[in-house]
Amino acid sequence: MHHATSNARIAQDDAARKARPAMTVAQPPTEITATCPTCGQVSTFTYLGAQAWPERVAAKLNIDPITHSWRCDCCQTTVTDLHKTR
């Protein structure tokens, strides 16, 4: 009986996941120019991609649910836009 209940719960979770709309992320520019916080150089930063955080995690951390990562072309440091809080 427990096995059937577990299977029913899994089916419900799968149906709920499929019913949710897909999250879309606005694509930022592929490169930006800024001062690197690590090497201090005015550098080109290359866009690496977006990180999607679950809403509950983002709320707990007081950050946007989507953060973007960039790499400094001078020193290869990776930075995110996490400093932009809600």
C-alpha atoms as a PDB file:
ATOM      1  CA  MET A   1       0.000   0.000   0.000  1.00  0.00           C
ATOM      2  CA  HIS A   2       2.849   2.381   0.817  1.00  0.00           C
ATOM      3  CA  HIS A   3       4.434   1.721  -2.598  1.00  0.00           C
ATOM      4  CA  ALA A   4       1.221   2.709  -4.401  1.00  0.00           C
ATOM      5  CA  THR A   5       0.985   5.908  -2.341  1.00  0.00           C
ATOM      6  CA  SER A   6       4.588   6.775  -3.218  1.00  0.00           C
ATOM      7  CA  ASN A   7       3.941   6.195  -6.912  1.00  0.00           C
ATOM      8  CA  ALA A   8       0.832   8.377  -6.785  1.00  0.00           C
ATOM      9  CA  ARG A   9       2.817  11.164  -5.085  1.00  0.00           C
ATOM     10  CA  ILE A  10       5.575  10.917  -7.707  1.00  0.00           C
ATOM     11  CA  ALA A  11       2.964  11.134 -10.480  1.00  0.00           C
ATOM     12  CA  GLN A  12       1.431  14.232  -8.842  1.00  0.00           C
ATOM     13  CA  ASP A  13       4.850  15.889  -8.509  1.00  0.00           C
ATOM     14  CA  ASP A  14       5.672  15.127 -12.155  1.00  0.00           C
ATOM     15  CA  ALA A  15       2.325  16.541 -13.318  1.00  0.00           C
ATOM     16  CA  ALA A  16       2.824  19.717 -11.259  1.00  0.00           C
ATOM     17  CA  ARG A  17       6.355  20.167 -12.635  1.00  0.00           C
ATOM     18  CA  LYS A  18       5.148  19.788 -16.228  1.00  0.00           C
ATOM     19  CA  ALA A  19       2.289  22.248 -15.636  1.00  0.00           C
ATOM     20  CA  ARG A  20       4.644  25.032 -14.501  1.00  0.00           C
ATOM     21  CA  PRO A  21       5.607  27.512 -17.214  1.00  0.00           C
ATOM     22  CA  ALA A  22       9.228  27.353 -18.326  1.00  0.00           C
ATOM     23  CA  MET A  23      11.428  30.039 -16.771  1.00  0.00           C
ATOM     24  CA  THR A  24      12.787  32.449 -19.339  1.00  0.00           C
ATOM     25  CA  VAL A  25      15.898  34.510 -18.795  1.00  0.00           C
ATOM     26  CA  ALA A  26      16.587  37.772 -20.589  1.00  0.00           C
ATOM     27  CA  GLN A  27      19.939  37.417 -22.317  1.00  0.00           C
ATOM     28  CA  PRO A  28      22.391  40.123 -21.210  1.00  0.00           C
ATOM     29  CA  PRO A  29      25.100  41.401 -23.557  1.00  0.00           C
ATOM     30  CA  THR A  30      27.865  38.907 -24.314  1.00  0.00           C
ATOM     31  CA  GLU A  31      30.524  41.391 -23.163  1.00  0.00           C
ATOM     32  CA  ILE A  32      30.644  44.399 -20.846  1.00  0.00           C
ATOM     33  CA  THR A  33      33.450  46.738 -19.806  1.00  0.00           C
ATOM     34  CA  ALA A  34      33.946  47.340 -16.092  1.00  0.00           C
ATOM     35  CA  THR A  35      36.597  47.578 -13.381  1.00  0.00           C
ATOM     36  CA  CYS A  36      37.459  44.140 -12.035  1.00  0.00           C
ATOM     37  CA  PRO A  37      37.122  43.903  -8.244  1.00  0.00           C
ATOM     38  CA  THR A  38      40.034  41.430  -8.134  1.00  0.00           C
ATOM     39  CA  CYS A  39      42.742  42.828 -10.426  1.00  0.00           C
ATOM     40  CA  GLY A  40      41.552  46.446 -10.469  1.00  0.00           C
ATOM     41  CA  GLN A  41      41.896  46.697 -14.256  1.00  0.00           C
ATOM     42  CA  VAL A  42      39.270  48.166 -16.541  1.00  0.00           C
ATOM     43  CA  SER A  43      38.536  44.984 -18.444  1.00  0.00           C
ATOM     44  CA  THR A  44      36.129  43.306 -20.775  1.00  0.00           C
ATOM     45  CA  PHE A  45      33.944  40.809 -18.949  1.00  0.00           C
ATOM     46  CA  THR A  46      32.628  37.885 -20.965  1.00  0.00           C
ATOM     47  CA  TYR A  47      29.171  36.585 -20.118  1.00  0.00           C
ATOM     48  CA  LEU A  48      29.252  32.957 -18.922  1.00  0.00           C
ATOM     49  CA  GLY A  49      25.594  32.261 -18.226  1.00  0.00           C
ATOM     50  CA  ALA A  50      22.694  32.452 -15.817  1.00  0.00           C
ATOM     51  CA  GLN A  51      22.089  30.601 -12.555  1.00  0.00           C
ATOM     52  CA  ALA A  52      18.477  29.998 -11.541  1.00  0.00           C
ATOM     53  CA  TRP A  53      17.873  29.760  -7.792  1.00  0.00           C
ATOM     54  CA  PRO A  54      14.704  28.258  -6.272  1.00  0.00           C
ATOM     55  CA  GLU A  55      12.409  31.062  -5.077  1.00  0.00           C
ATOM     56  CA  ARG A  56      12.681  30.006  -1.426  1.00  0.00           C
ATOM     57  CA  VAL A  57      16.495  30.034  -1.558  1.00  0.00           C
ATOM     58  CA  ALA A  58      16.595  33.404  -3.328  1.00  0.00           C
ATOM     59  CA  ALA A  59      14.203  34.888  -0.776  1.00  0.00           C
ATOM     60  CA  LYS A  60      16.254  33.542   2.142  1.00  0.00           C
ATOM     61  CA  LEU A  61      19.473  34.956   0.647  1.00  0.00           C
ATOM     62  CA  ASN A  62      17.735  38.197  -0.403  1.00  0.00           C
ATOM     63  CA  ILE A  63      18.944  37.837  -4.002  1.00  0.00           C
ATOM     64  CA  ASP A  64      17.251  37.747  -7.382  1.00  0.00           C
ATOM     65  CA  PRO A  65      16.155  34.256  -8.441  1.00  0.00           C
ATOM     66  CA  ILE A  66      18.287  34.624 -11.593  1.00  0.00           C
ATOM     67  CA  THR A  67      21.937  35.674 -11.281  1.00  0.00           C
ATOM     68  CA  HIS A  68      24.435  36.159 -14.094  1.00  0.00           C
ATOM     69  CA  SER A  69      28.119  35.198 -14.187  1.00  0.00           C
ATOM     70  CA  TRP A  70      30.903  37.079 -15.961  1.00  0.00           C
ATOM     71  CA  ARG A  71      34.646  36.406 -16.446  1.00  0.00           C
ATOM     72  CA  CYS A  72      37.314  39.110 -16.390  1.00  0.00           C
ATOM     73  CA  ASP A  73      39.420  38.860 -19.557  1.00  0.00           C
ATOM     74  CA  CYS A  74      42.486  40.188 -17.684  1.00  0.00           C
ATOM     75  CA  CYS A  75      42.712  37.856 -14.673  1.00  0.00           C
ATOM     76  CA  GLN A  76      40.013  35.240 -15.421  1.00  0.00           C
ATOM     77  CA  THR A  77      38.154  35.942 -12.160  1.00  0.00           C
ATOM     78  CA  THR A  78      34.502  34.952 -12.295  1.00  0.00           C
ATOM     79  CA  VAL A  79      32.056  37.390 -10.733  1.00  0.00           C
ATOM     80  CA  THR A  80      28.291  37.407 -10.447  1.00  0.00           C
ATOM     81  CA  ASP A  81      25.720  40.117 -10.114  1.00  0.00           C
ATOM     82  CA  LEU A  82      24.792  38.864  -6.625  1.00  0.00           C
ATOM     83  CA  HIS A  83      25.516  42.329  -5.246  1.00  0.00           C
ATOM     84  CA  LYS A  84      22.166  43.340  -6.753  1.00  0.00           C
ATOM     85  CA  THR A  85      19.775  42.409  -3.990  1.00  0.00           C
ATOM     86  CA  ARG A  86      16.005  42.661  -4.167  1.00  0.00           C
END
